[in-house]
mmCIF file of all heavy atoms, coordinates in Angstrom:
data_MODEL
# 
_entry.id   MODEL 
# 
loop_
_atom_site.group_PDB 
_atom_site.id 
_atom_site.type_symbol 
_atom_site.label_atom_id 
_atom_site.label_alt_id 
_atom_site.label_comp_id 
_atom_site.label_asym_id 
_atom_site.label_entity_id 
_atom_site.label_seq_id 
_atom_site.pdbx_PDB_ins_code 
_atom_site.Cartn_x 
_atom_site.Cartn_y 
_atom_site.Cartn_z 
_atom_site.occupancy 
_atom_site.B_iso_or_equiv 
_atom_site.pdbx_formal_charge 
_atom_site.auth_seq_id 
_atom_site.auth_comp_id 
_atom_site.auth_asym_id 
_atom_site.auth_atom_id 
_atom_site.pdbx_PDB_model_num 
ATOM 1   N N   . GLU A 1 1  ? 90.083  -54.259 -76.480 1.00 0.00 ? 1  GLU A N   1 
ATOM 2   C CA  . GLU A 1 1  ? 90.062  -55.613 -75.797 1.00 0.00 ? 1  GLU A CA  1 
ATOM 3   C C   . GLU A 1 1  ? 89.515  -55.584 -74.458 1.00 0.00 ? 1  GLU A C   1 
ATOM 4   O O   . GLU A 1 1  ? 89.852  -54.660 -73.671 1.00 0.00 ? 1  GLU A O   1 
ATOM 5   C CB  . GLU A 1 1  ? 91.546  -56.083 -75.846 1.00 0.00 ? 1  GLU A CB  1 
ATOM 6   C CG  . GLU A 1 1  ? 91.664  -57.361 -75.047 1.00 0.00 ? 1  GLU A CG  1 
ATOM 7   C CD  . GLU A 1 1  ? 93.144  -57.960 -75.033 1.00 0.00 ? 1  GLU A CD  1 
ATOM 8   O OE1 . GLU A 1 1  ? 93.938  -57.335 -75.636 1.00 0.00 ? 1  GLU A OE1 1 
ATOM 9   O OE2 . GLU A 1 1  ? 93.361  -58.910 -74.262 1.00 0.00 ? 1  GLU A OE2 1 
ATOM 10  N N   . PRO A 1 2  ? 88.565  -56.354 -74.051 1.00 0.00 ? 2  PRO A N   1 
ATOM 11  C CA  . PRO A 1 2  ? 88.060  -56.394 -72.693 1.00 0.00 ? 2  PRO A CA  1 
ATOM 12  C C   . PRO A 1 2  ? 89.107  -56.921 -71.741 1.00 0.00 ? 2  PRO A C   1 
ATOM 13  O O   . PRO A 1 2  ? 89.998  -57.690 -72.061 1.00 0.00 ? 2  PRO A O   1 
ATOM 14  C CB  . PRO A 1 2  ? 86.934  -57.387 -72.767 1.00 0.00 ? 2  PRO A CB  1 
ATOM 15  C CG  . PRO A 1 2  ? 86.877  -57.964 -74.123 1.00 0.00 ? 2  PRO A CG  1 
ATOM 16  C CD  . PRO A 1 2  ? 88.018  -57.395 -74.948 1.00 0.00 ? 2  PRO A CD  1 
ATOM 17  N N   . LEU A 1 3  ? 89.148  -56.347 -70.487 1.00 0.00 ? 3  LEU A N   1 
ATOM 18  C CA  . LEU A 1 3  ? 90.130  -56.752 -69.641 1.00 0.00 ? 3  LEU A CA  1 
ATOM 19  C C   . LEU A 1 3  ? 89.783  -57.944 -68.754 1.00 0.00 ? 3  LEU A C   1 
ATOM 20  O O   . LEU A 1 3  ? 88.666  -58.090 -68.436 1.00 0.00 ? 3  LEU A O   1 
ATOM 21  C CB  . LEU A 1 3  ? 90.412  -55.523 -68.737 1.00 0.00 ? 3  LEU A CB  1 
ATOM 22  C CG  . LEU A 1 3  ? 90.988  -54.184 -69.442 1.00 0.00 ? 3  LEU A CG  1 
ATOM 23  C CD1 . LEU A 1 3  ? 91.143  -53.139 -68.524 1.00 0.00 ? 3  LEU A CD1 1 
ATOM 24  C CD2 . LEU A 1 3  ? 92.301  -54.536 -70.207 1.00 0.00 ? 3  LEU A CD2 1 
ATOM 25  N N   . ASN A 1 4  ? 90.765  -58.749 -68.527 1.00 0.00 ? 4  ASN A N   1 
ATOM 26  C CA  . ASN A 1 4  ? 90.821  -59.832 -67.513 1.00 0.00 ? 4  ASN A CA  1 
ATOM 27  C C   . ASN A 1 4  ? 89.494  -60.747 -67.504 1.00 0.00 ? 4  ASN A C   1 
ATOM 28  O O   . ASN A 1 4  ? 89.141  -61.188 -66.455 1.00 0.00 ? 4  ASN A O   1 
ATOM 29  C CB  . ASN A 1 4  ? 91.187  -59.425 -66.185 1.00 0.00 ? 4  ASN A CB  1 
ATOM 30  C CG  . ASN A 1 4  ? 90.201  -58.352 -65.555 1.00 0.00 ? 4  ASN A CG  1 
ATOM 31  O OD1 . ASN A 1 4  ? 89.121  -58.158 -65.976 1.00 0.00 ? 4  ASN A OD1 1 
ATOM 32  N ND2 . ASN A 1 4  ? 90.750  -57.723 -64.533 1.00 0.00 ? 4  ASN A ND2 1 
ATOM 33  N N   . LEU A 1 5  ? 88.786  -60.816 -68.661 1.00 0.00 ? 5  LEU A N   1 
ATOM 34  C CA  . LEU A 1 5  ? 87.687  -61.742 -68.643 1.00 0.00 ? 5  LEU A CA  1 
ATOM 35  C C   . LEU A 1 5  ? 87.968  -63.018 -69.496 1.00 0.00 ? 5  LEU A C   1 
ATOM 36  O O   . LEU A 1 5  ? 87.169  -63.981 -69.520 1.00 0.00 ? 5  LEU A O   1 
ATOM 37  C CB  . LEU A 1 5  ? 86.456  -60.991 -69.386 1.00 0.00 ? 5  LEU A CB  1 
ATOM 38  C CG  . LEU A 1 5  ? 85.737  -60.002 -68.646 1.00 0.00 ? 5  LEU A CG  1 
ATOM 39  C CD1 . LEU A 1 5  ? 84.676  -59.409 -69.528 1.00 0.00 ? 5  LEU A CD1 1 
ATOM 40  C CD2 . LEU A 1 5  ? 85.231  -60.458 -67.323 1.00 0.00 ? 5  LEU A CD2 1 
ATOM 41  N N   . HIS A 1 6  ? 89.146  -63.039 -70.072 1.00 0.00 ? 6  HIS A N   1 
ATOM 42  C CA  . HIS A 1 6  ? 89.365  -64.099 -71.117 1.00 0.00 ? 6  HIS A CA  1 
ATOM 43  C C   . HIS A 1 6  ? 90.602  -64.914 -70.640 1.00 0.00 ? 6  HIS A C   1 
ATOM 44  O O   . HIS A 1 6  ? 91.662  -64.305 -70.126 1.00 0.00 ? 6  HIS A O   1 
ATOM 45  C CB  . HIS A 1 6  ? 89.536  -63.551 -72.467 1.00 0.00 ? 6  HIS A CB  1 
ATOM 46  C CG  . HIS A 1 6  ? 88.326  -62.946 -72.926 1.00 0.00 ? 6  HIS A CG  1 
ATOM 47  N ND1 . HIS A 1 6  ? 87.271  -63.751 -73.416 1.00 0.00 ? 6  HIS A ND1 1 
ATOM 48  C CD2 . HIS A 1 6  ? 87.797  -61.712 -73.026 1.00 0.00 ? 6  HIS A CD2 1 
ATOM 49  C CE1 . HIS A 1 6  ? 86.251  -62.975 -73.767 1.00 0.00 ? 6  HIS A CE1 1 
ATOM 50  N NE2 . HIS A 1 6  ? 86.540  -61.754 -73.441 1.00 0.00 ? 6  HIS A NE2 1 
ATOM 51  N N   . ALA A 1 7  ? 90.617  -66.117 -71.070 1.00 0.00 ? 7  ALA A N   1 
ATOM 52  C CA  . ALA A 1 7  ? 91.912  -67.018 -70.900 1.00 0.00 ? 7  ALA A CA  1 
ATOM 53  C C   . ALA A 1 7  ? 92.957  -66.444 -71.724 1.00 0.00 ? 7  ALA A C   1 
ATOM 54  O O   . ALA A 1 7  ? 92.664  -65.790 -72.745 1.00 0.00 ? 7  ALA A O   1 
ATOM 55  C CB  . ALA A 1 7  ? 91.539  -68.401 -71.376 1.00 0.00 ? 7  ALA A CB  1 
ATOM 56  N N   . PRO A 1 8  ? 94.174  -66.570 -71.382 1.00 0.00 ? 8  PRO A N   1 
ATOM 57  C CA  . PRO A 1 8  ? 95.329  -65.997 -72.152 1.00 0.00 ? 8  PRO A CA  1 
ATOM 58  C C   . PRO A 1 8  ? 95.352  -66.491 -73.635 1.00 0.00 ? 8  PRO A C   1 
ATOM 59  O O   . PRO A 1 8  ? 95.709  -65.635 -74.479 1.00 0.00 ? 8  PRO A O   1 
ATOM 60  C CB  . PRO A 1 8  ? 96.536  -66.514 -71.401 1.00 0.00 ? 8  PRO A CB  1 
ATOM 61  C CG  . PRO A 1 8  ? 96.006  -66.696 -70.007 1.00 0.00 ? 8  PRO A CG  1 
ATOM 62  C CD  . PRO A 1 8  ? 94.644  -67.135 -70.086 1.00 0.00 ? 8  PRO A CD  1 
ATOM 63  N N   . LEU A 1 9  ? 94.943  -67.704 -73.861 1.00 0.00 ? 9  LEU A N   1 
ATOM 64  C CA  . LEU A 1 9  ? 94.828  -68.033 -75.281 1.00 0.00 ? 9  LEU A CA  1 
ATOM 65  C C   . LEU A 1 9  ? 93.847  -67.271 -76.123 1.00 0.00 ? 9  LEU A C   1 
ATOM 66  O O   . LEU A 1 9  ? 94.086  -67.064 -77.323 1.00 0.00 ? 9  LEU A O   1 
ATOM 67  C CB  . LEU A 1 9  ? 94.706  -69.565 -75.445 1.00 0.00 ? 9  LEU A CB  1 
ATOM 68  C CG  . LEU A 1 9  ? 95.824  -70.400 -75.124 1.00 0.00 ? 9  LEU A CG  1 
ATOM 69  C CD1 . LEU A 1 9  ? 95.528  -71.872 -75.187 1.00 0.00 ? 9  LEU A CD1 1 
ATOM 70  C CD2 . LEU A 1 9  ? 97.049  -70.125 -75.998 1.00 0.00 ? 9  LEU A CD2 1 
ATOM 71  N N   . VAL A 1 10 ? 92.780  -66.948 -75.550 1.00 0.00 ? 10 VAL A N   1 
ATOM 72  C CA  . VAL A 1 10 ? 91.812  -66.093 -76.215 1.00 0.00 ? 10 VAL A CA  1 
ATOM 73  C C   . VAL A 1 10 ? 92.289  -64.675 -76.450 1.00 0.00 ? 10 VAL A C   1 
ATOM 74  O O   . VAL A 1 10 ? 92.192  -64.141 -77.602 1.00 0.00 ? 10 VAL A O   1 
ATOM 75  C CB  . VAL A 1 10 ? 90.417  -66.059 -75.472 1.00 0.00 ? 10 VAL A CB  1 
ATOM 76  C CG1 . VAL A 1 10 ? 89.418  -65.156 -76.150 1.00 0.00 ? 10 VAL A CG1 1 
ATOM 77  C CG2 . VAL A 1 10 ? 89.918  -67.470 -75.384 1.00 0.00 ? 10 VAL A CG2 1 
ATOM 78  N N   . GLN A 1 11 ? 92.910  -64.072 -75.470 1.00 0.00 ? 11 GLN A N   1 
ATOM 79  C CA  . GLN A 1 11 ? 93.542  -62.754 -75.569 1.00 0.00 ? 11 GLN A CA  1 
ATOM 80  C C   . GLN A 1 11 ? 94.600  -62.826 -76.656 1.00 0.00 ? 11 GLN A C   1 
ATOM 81  O O   . GLN A 1 11 ? 94.806  -61.920 -77.366 1.00 0.00 ? 11 GLN A O   1 
ATOM 82  C CB  . GLN A 1 11 ? 94.063  -62.267 -74.274 1.00 0.00 ? 11 GLN A CB  1 
ATOM 83  C CG  . GLN A 1 11 ? 93.007  -62.043 -73.185 1.00 0.00 ? 11 GLN A CG  1 
ATOM 84  C CD  . GLN A 1 11 ? 93.644  -61.727 -71.937 1.00 0.00 ? 11 GLN A CD  1 
ATOM 85  O OE1 . GLN A 1 11 ? 94.698  -61.362 -71.638 1.00 0.00 ? 11 GLN A OE1 1 
ATOM 86  N NE2 . GLN A 1 11 ? 92.744  -61.710 -70.858 1.00 0.00 ? 11 GLN A NE2 1 
ATOM 87  N N   . ARG A 1 12 ? 95.362  -63.950 -76.592 1.00 0.00 ? 12 ARG A N   1 
ATOM 88  C CA  . ARG A 1 12 ? 96.427  -64.063 -77.566 1.00 0.00 ? 12 ARG A CA  1 
ATOM 89  C C   . ARG A 1 12 ? 95.977  -63.951 -79.038 1.00 0.00 ? 12 ARG A C   1 
ATOM 90  O O   . ARG A 1 12 ? 96.735  -63.507 -79.943 1.00 0.00 ? 12 ARG A O   1 
ATOM 91  C CB  . ARG A 1 12 ? 97.137  -65.325 -77.363 1.00 0.00 ? 12 ARG A CB  1 
ATOM 92  C CG  . ARG A 1 12 ? 98.355  -65.728 -78.290 1.00 0.00 ? 12 ARG A CG  1 
ATOM 93  C CD  . ARG A 1 12 ? 99.008  -67.082 -77.706 1.00 0.00 ? 12 ARG A CD  1 
ATOM 94  N NE  . ARG A 1 12 ? 99.574  -67.634 -78.989 1.00 0.00 ? 12 ARG A NE  1 
ATOM 95  C CZ  . ARG A 1 12 ? 99.353  -68.893 -79.346 1.00 0.00 ? 12 ARG A CZ  1 
ATOM 96  N NH1 . ARG A 1 12 ? 98.669  -69.723 -78.624 1.00 0.00 ? 12 ARG A NH1 1 
ATOM 97  N NH2 . ARG A 1 12 ? 99.853  -69.325 -80.462 1.00 0.00 ? 12 ARG A NH2 1 
ATOM 98  N N   . LEU A 1 13 ? 94.799  -64.481 -79.348 1.00 0.00 ? 13 LEU A N   1 
ATOM 99  C CA  . LEU A 1 13 ? 94.191  -64.448 -80.650 1.00 0.00 ? 13 LEU A CA  1 
ATOM 100 C C   . LEU A 1 13 ? 94.229  -63.002 -81.186 1.00 0.00 ? 13 LEU A C   1 
ATOM 101 O O   . LEU A 1 13 ? 94.615  -62.710 -82.324 1.00 0.00 ? 13 LEU A O   1 
ATOM 102 C CB  . LEU A 1 13 ? 92.812  -65.075 -80.743 1.00 0.00 ? 13 LEU A CB  1 
ATOM 103 C CG  . LEU A 1 13 ? 92.740  -66.506 -80.708 1.00 0.00 ? 13 LEU A CG  1 
ATOM 104 C CD1 . LEU A 1 13 ? 91.250  -66.936 -80.491 1.00 0.00 ? 13 LEU A CD1 1 
ATOM 105 C CD2 . LEU A 1 13 ? 93.354  -67.128 -81.986 1.00 0.00 ? 13 LEU A CD2 1 
ATOM 106 N N   . ALA A 1 14 ? 93.796  -62.108 -80.364 1.00 0.00 ? 14 ALA A N   1 
ATOM 107 C CA  . ALA A 1 14 ? 93.798  -60.658 -80.753 1.00 0.00 ? 14 ALA A CA  1 
ATOM 108 C C   . ALA A 1 14 ? 95.153  -60.053 -80.739 1.00 0.00 ? 14 ALA A C   1 
ATOM 109 O O   . ALA A 1 14 ? 95.547  -59.419 -81.665 1.00 0.00 ? 14 ALA A O   1 
ATOM 110 C CB  . ALA A 1 14 ? 92.816  -59.750 -79.797 1.00 0.00 ? 14 ALA A CB  1 
ATOM 111 N N   . ARG A 1 15 ? 95.918  -60.241 -79.736 1.00 0.00 ? 15 ARG A N   1 
ATOM 112 C CA  . ARG A 1 15 ? 97.207  -59.728 -79.665 1.00 0.00 ? 15 ARG A CA  1 
ATOM 113 C C   . ARG A 1 15 ? 98.206  -60.191 -80.575 1.00 0.00 ? 15 ARG A C   1 
ATOM 114 O O   . ARG A 1 15 ? 98.977  -59.366 -81.225 1.00 0.00 ? 15 ARG A O   1 
ATOM 115 C CB  . ARG A 1 15 ? 97.693  -60.010 -78.139 1.00 0.00 ? 15 ARG A CB  1 
ATOM 116 C CG  . ARG A 1 15 ? 99.061  -59.310 -77.882 1.00 0.00 ? 15 ARG A CG  1 
ATOM 117 C CD  . ARG A 1 15 ? 99.607  -59.660 -76.427 1.00 0.00 ? 15 ARG A CD  1 
ATOM 118 N NE  . ARG A 1 15 ? 99.890  -61.165 -76.478 1.00 0.00 ? 15 ARG A NE  1 
ATOM 119 C CZ  . ARG A 1 15 ? 99.417  -62.096 -75.707 1.00 0.00 ? 15 ARG A CZ  1 
ATOM 120 N NH1 . ARG A 1 15 ? 98.509  -61.734 -74.754 1.00 0.00 ? 15 ARG A NH1 1 
ATOM 121 N NH2 . ARG A 1 15 ? 99.751  -63.312 -75.711 1.00 0.00 ? 15 ARG A NH2 1 
ATOM 122 N N   . ASP A 1 16 ? 98.362  -61.482 -80.786 1.00 0.00 ? 16 ASP A N   1 
ATOM 123 C CA  . ASP A 1 16 ? 99.373  -62.065 -81.654 1.00 0.00 ? 16 ASP A CA  1 
ATOM 124 C C   . ASP A 1 16 ? 98.888  -62.499 -83.148 1.00 0.00 ? 16 ASP A C   1 
ATOM 125 O O   . ASP A 1 16 ? 99.694  -62.745 -83.911 1.00 0.00 ? 16 ASP A O   1 
ATOM 126 C CB  . ASP A 1 16 ? 100.047 -63.241 -80.935 1.00 0.00 ? 16 ASP A CB  1 
ATOM 127 C CG  . ASP A 1 16 ? 100.692 -62.878 -79.685 1.00 0.00 ? 16 ASP A CG  1 
ATOM 128 O OD1 . ASP A 1 16 ? 100.938 -61.689 -79.506 1.00 0.00 ? 16 ASP A OD1 1 
ATOM 129 O OD2 . ASP A 1 16 ? 100.901 -63.771 -78.871 1.00 0.00 ? 16 ASP A OD2 1 
ATOM 130 N N   . PHE A 1 17 ? 97.610  -62.668 -83.209 1.00 0.00 ? 17 PHE A N   1 
ATOM 131 C CA  . PHE A 1 17 ? 97.077  -63.179 -84.486 1.00 0.00 ? 17 PHE A CA  1 
ATOM 132 C C   . PHE A 1 17 ? 96.070  -62.394 -85.255 1.00 0.00 ? 17 PHE A C   1 
ATOM 133 O O   . PHE A 1 17 ? 95.406  -62.768 -86.190 1.00 0.00 ? 17 PHE A O   1 
ATOM 134 C CB  . PHE A 1 17 ? 96.564  -64.667 -84.240 1.00 0.00 ? 17 PHE A CB  1 
ATOM 135 C CG  . PHE A 1 17 ? 97.630  -65.620 -83.812 1.00 0.00 ? 17 PHE A CG  1 
ATOM 136 C CD1 . PHE A 1 17 ? 97.816  -65.941 -82.540 1.00 0.00 ? 17 PHE A CD1 1 
ATOM 137 C CD2 . PHE A 1 17 ? 98.480  -66.198 -84.857 1.00 0.00 ? 17 PHE A CD2 1 
ATOM 138 C CE1 . PHE A 1 17 ? 98.712  -66.740 -82.070 1.00 0.00 ? 17 PHE A CE1 1 
ATOM 139 C CE2 . PHE A 1 17 ? 99.430  -67.073 -84.396 1.00 0.00 ? 17 PHE A CE2 1 
ATOM 140 C CZ  . PHE A 1 17 ? 99.551  -67.430 -83.046 1.00 0.00 ? 17 PHE A CZ  1 
ATOM 141 N N   . GLY A 1 18 ? 95.973  -61.144 -84.756 1.00 0.00 ? 18 GLY A N   1 
ATOM 142 C CA  . GLY A 1 18 ? 95.089  -60.181 -85.526 1.00 0.00 ? 18 GLY A CA  1 
ATOM 143 C C   . GLY A 1 18 ? 93.652  -60.337 -85.389 1.00 0.00 ? 18 GLY A C   1 
ATOM 144 O O   . GLY A 1 18 ? 92.962  -59.713 -86.181 1.00 0.00 ? 18 GLY A O   1 
ATOM 145 N N   . ALA A 1 19 ? 93.210  -61.116 -84.485 1.00 0.00 ? 19 ALA A N   1 
ATOM 146 C CA  . ALA A 1 19 ? 91.652  -61.229 -84.288 1.00 0.00 ? 19 ALA A CA  1 
ATOM 147 C C   . ALA A 1 19 ? 91.054  -59.897 -83.840 1.00 0.00 ? 19 ALA A C   1 
ATOM 148 O O   . ALA A 1 19 ? 91.771  -59.160 -83.111 1.00 0.00 ? 19 ALA A O   1 
ATOM 149 C CB  . ALA A 1 19 ? 91.390  -62.310 -83.266 1.00 0.00 ? 19 ALA A CB  1 
ATOM 150 N N   . THR A 1 20 ? 89.927  -59.625 -84.337 1.00 0.00 ? 20 THR A N   1 
ATOM 151 C CA  . THR A 1 20 ? 89.148  -58.418 -83.967 1.00 0.00 ? 20 THR A CA  1 
ATOM 152 C C   . THR A 1 20 ? 88.240  -58.679 -82.810 1.00 0.00 ? 20 THR A C   1 
ATOM 153 O O   . THR A 1 20 ? 87.552  -59.687 -82.811 1.00 0.00 ? 20 THR A O   1 
ATOM 154 C CB  . THR A 1 20 ? 88.366  -57.918 -85.132 1.00 0.00 ? 20 THR A CB  1 
ATOM 155 O OG1 . THR A 1 20 ? 89.340  -57.758 -86.334 1.00 0.00 ? 20 THR A OG1 1 
ATOM 156 C CG2 . THR A 1 20 ? 87.607  -56.630 -84.836 1.00 0.00 ? 20 THR A CG2 1 
ATOM 157 N N   . TRP A 1 21 ? 88.114  -57.832 -81.779 1.00 0.00 ? 21 TRP A N   1 
ATOM 158 C CA  . TRP A 1 21 ? 87.176  -57.902 -80.745 1.00 0.00 ? 21 TRP A CA  1 
ATOM 159 C C   . TRP A 1 21 ? 85.847  -57.358 -81.301 1.00 0.00 ? 21 TRP A C   1 
ATOM 160 O O   . TRP A 1 21 ? 85.879  -56.241 -81.800 1.00 0.00 ? 21 TRP A O   1 
ATOM 161 C CB  . TRP A 1 21 ? 87.599  -57.189 -79.509 1.00 0.00 ? 21 TRP A CB  1 
ATOM 162 C CG  . TRP A 1 21 ? 88.692  -57.882 -78.838 1.00 0.00 ? 21 TRP A CG  1 
ATOM 163 C CD1 . TRP A 1 21 ? 90.024  -57.465 -78.863 1.00 0.00 ? 21 TRP A CD1 1 
ATOM 164 C CD2 . TRP A 1 21 ? 88.590  -58.983 -77.896 1.00 0.00 ? 21 TRP A CD2 1 
ATOM 165 N NE1 . TRP A 1 21 ? 90.804  -58.342 -77.936 1.00 0.00 ? 21 TRP A NE1 1 
ATOM 166 C CE2 . TRP A 1 21 ? 89.932  -59.180 -77.342 1.00 0.00 ? 21 TRP A CE2 1 
ATOM 167 C CE3 . TRP A 1 21 ? 87.484  -59.716 -77.464 1.00 0.00 ? 21 TRP A CE3 1 
ATOM 168 C CZ2 . TRP A 1 21 ? 90.160  -60.231 -76.550 1.00 0.00 ? 21 TRP A CZ2 1 
ATOM 169 C CZ3 . TRP A 1 21 ? 87.904  -60.744 -76.596 1.00 0.00 ? 21 TRP A CZ3 1 
ATOM 170 C CH2 . TRP A 1 21 ? 89.101  -61.060 -76.072 1.00 0.00 ? 21 TRP A CH2 1 
ATOM 171 N N   . ILE A 1 22 ? 84.833  -58.079 -81.328 1.00 0.00 ? 22 ILE A N   1 
ATOM 172 C CA  . ILE A 1 22 ? 83.474  -57.648 -81.740 1.00 0.00 ? 22 ILE A CA  1 
ATOM 173 C C   . ILE A 1 22 ? 82.456  -57.967 -80.747 1.00 0.00 ? 22 ILE A C   1 
ATOM 174 O O   . ILE A 1 22 ? 82.689  -58.805 -79.769 1.00 0.00 ? 22 ILE A O   1 
ATOM 175 C CB  . ILE A 1 22 ? 83.013  -58.243 -83.184 1.00 0.00 ? 22 ILE A CB  1 
ATOM 176 C CG1 . ILE A 1 22 ? 82.993  -59.756 -83.082 1.00 0.00 ? 22 ILE A CG1 1 
ATOM 177 C CG2 . ILE A 1 22 ? 84.020  -57.810 -84.258 1.00 0.00 ? 22 ILE A CG2 1 
ATOM 178 C CD1 . ILE A 1 22 ? 82.486  -60.436 -84.248 1.00 0.00 ? 22 ILE A CD1 1 
ATOM 179 N N   . ASP A 1 23 ? 81.197  -57.387 -80.886 1.00 0.00 ? 23 ASP A N   1 
ATOM 180 C CA  . ASP A 1 23 ? 80.148  -57.686 -80.059 1.00 0.00 ? 23 ASP A CA  1 
ATOM 181 C C   . ASP A 1 23 ? 78.815  -57.755 -80.863 1.00 0.00 ? 23 ASP A C   1 
ATOM 182 O O   . ASP A 1 23 ? 78.906  -57.585 -82.048 1.00 0.00 ? 23 ASP A O   1 
ATOM 183 C CB  . ASP A 1 23 ? 79.986  -56.800 -78.856 1.00 0.00 ? 23 ASP A CB  1 
ATOM 184 C CG  . ASP A 1 23 ? 79.788  -55.359 -79.275 1.00 0.00 ? 23 ASP A CG  1 
ATOM 185 O OD1 . ASP A 1 23 ? 79.460  -55.036 -80.337 1.00 0.00 ? 23 ASP A OD1 1 
ATOM 186 O OD2 . ASP A 1 23 ? 80.050  -54.419 -78.379 1.00 0.00 ? 23 ASP A OD2 1 
ATOM 187 N N   . GLU A 1 24 ? 77.620  -57.657 -80.270 1.00 0.00 ? 24 GLU A N   1 
ATOM 188 C CA  . GLU A 1 24 ? 76.438  -57.826 -80.931 1.00 0.00 ? 24 GLU A CA  1 
ATOM 189 C C   . GLU A 1 24 ? 76.142  -56.590 -81.758 1.00 0.00 ? 24 GLU A C   1 
ATOM 190 O O   . GLU A 1 24 ? 75.367  -56.583 -82.721 1.00 0.00 ? 24 GLU A O   1 
ATOM 191 C CB  . GLU A 1 24 ? 75.251  -58.193 -79.994 1.00 0.00 ? 24 GLU A CB  1 
ATOM 192 C CG  . GLU A 1 24 ? 74.777  -57.013 -79.129 1.00 0.00 ? 24 GLU A CG  1 
ATOM 193 C CD  . GLU A 1 24 ? 75.682  -56.709 -77.893 1.00 0.00 ? 24 GLU A CD  1 
ATOM 194 O OE1 . GLU A 1 24 ? 76.765  -57.474 -77.701 1.00 0.00 ? 24 GLU A OE1 1 
ATOM 195 O OE2 . GLU A 1 24 ? 75.331  -55.921 -77.047 1.00 0.00 ? 24 GLU A OE2 1 
ATOM 196 N N   . THR A 1 25 ? 76.787  -55.456 -81.445 1.00 0.00 ? 25 THR A N   1 
ATOM 197 C CA  . THR A 1 25 ? 76.552  -54.256 -82.222 1.00 0.00 ? 25 THR A CA  1 
ATOM 198 C C   . THR A 1 25 ? 77.456  -54.109 -83.426 1.00 0.00 ? 25 THR A C   1 
ATOM 199 O O   . THR A 1 25 ? 77.235  -53.353 -84.247 1.00 0.00 ? 25 THR A O   1 
ATOM 200 C CB  . THR A 1 25 ? 76.680  -52.961 -81.374 1.00 0.00 ? 25 THR A CB  1 
ATOM 201 O OG1 . THR A 1 25 ? 78.136  -52.860 -80.864 1.00 0.00 ? 25 THR A OG1 1 
ATOM 202 C CG2 . THR A 1 25 ? 75.682  -52.994 -80.085 1.00 0.00 ? 25 THR A CG2 1 
# 
């Protein structure tokens, strides 16, 4: 998870709802 670039609700998607952080690679 990237640090402090995202609104809390975006961070919450990964933390509480299992969203995966991905990028162009």
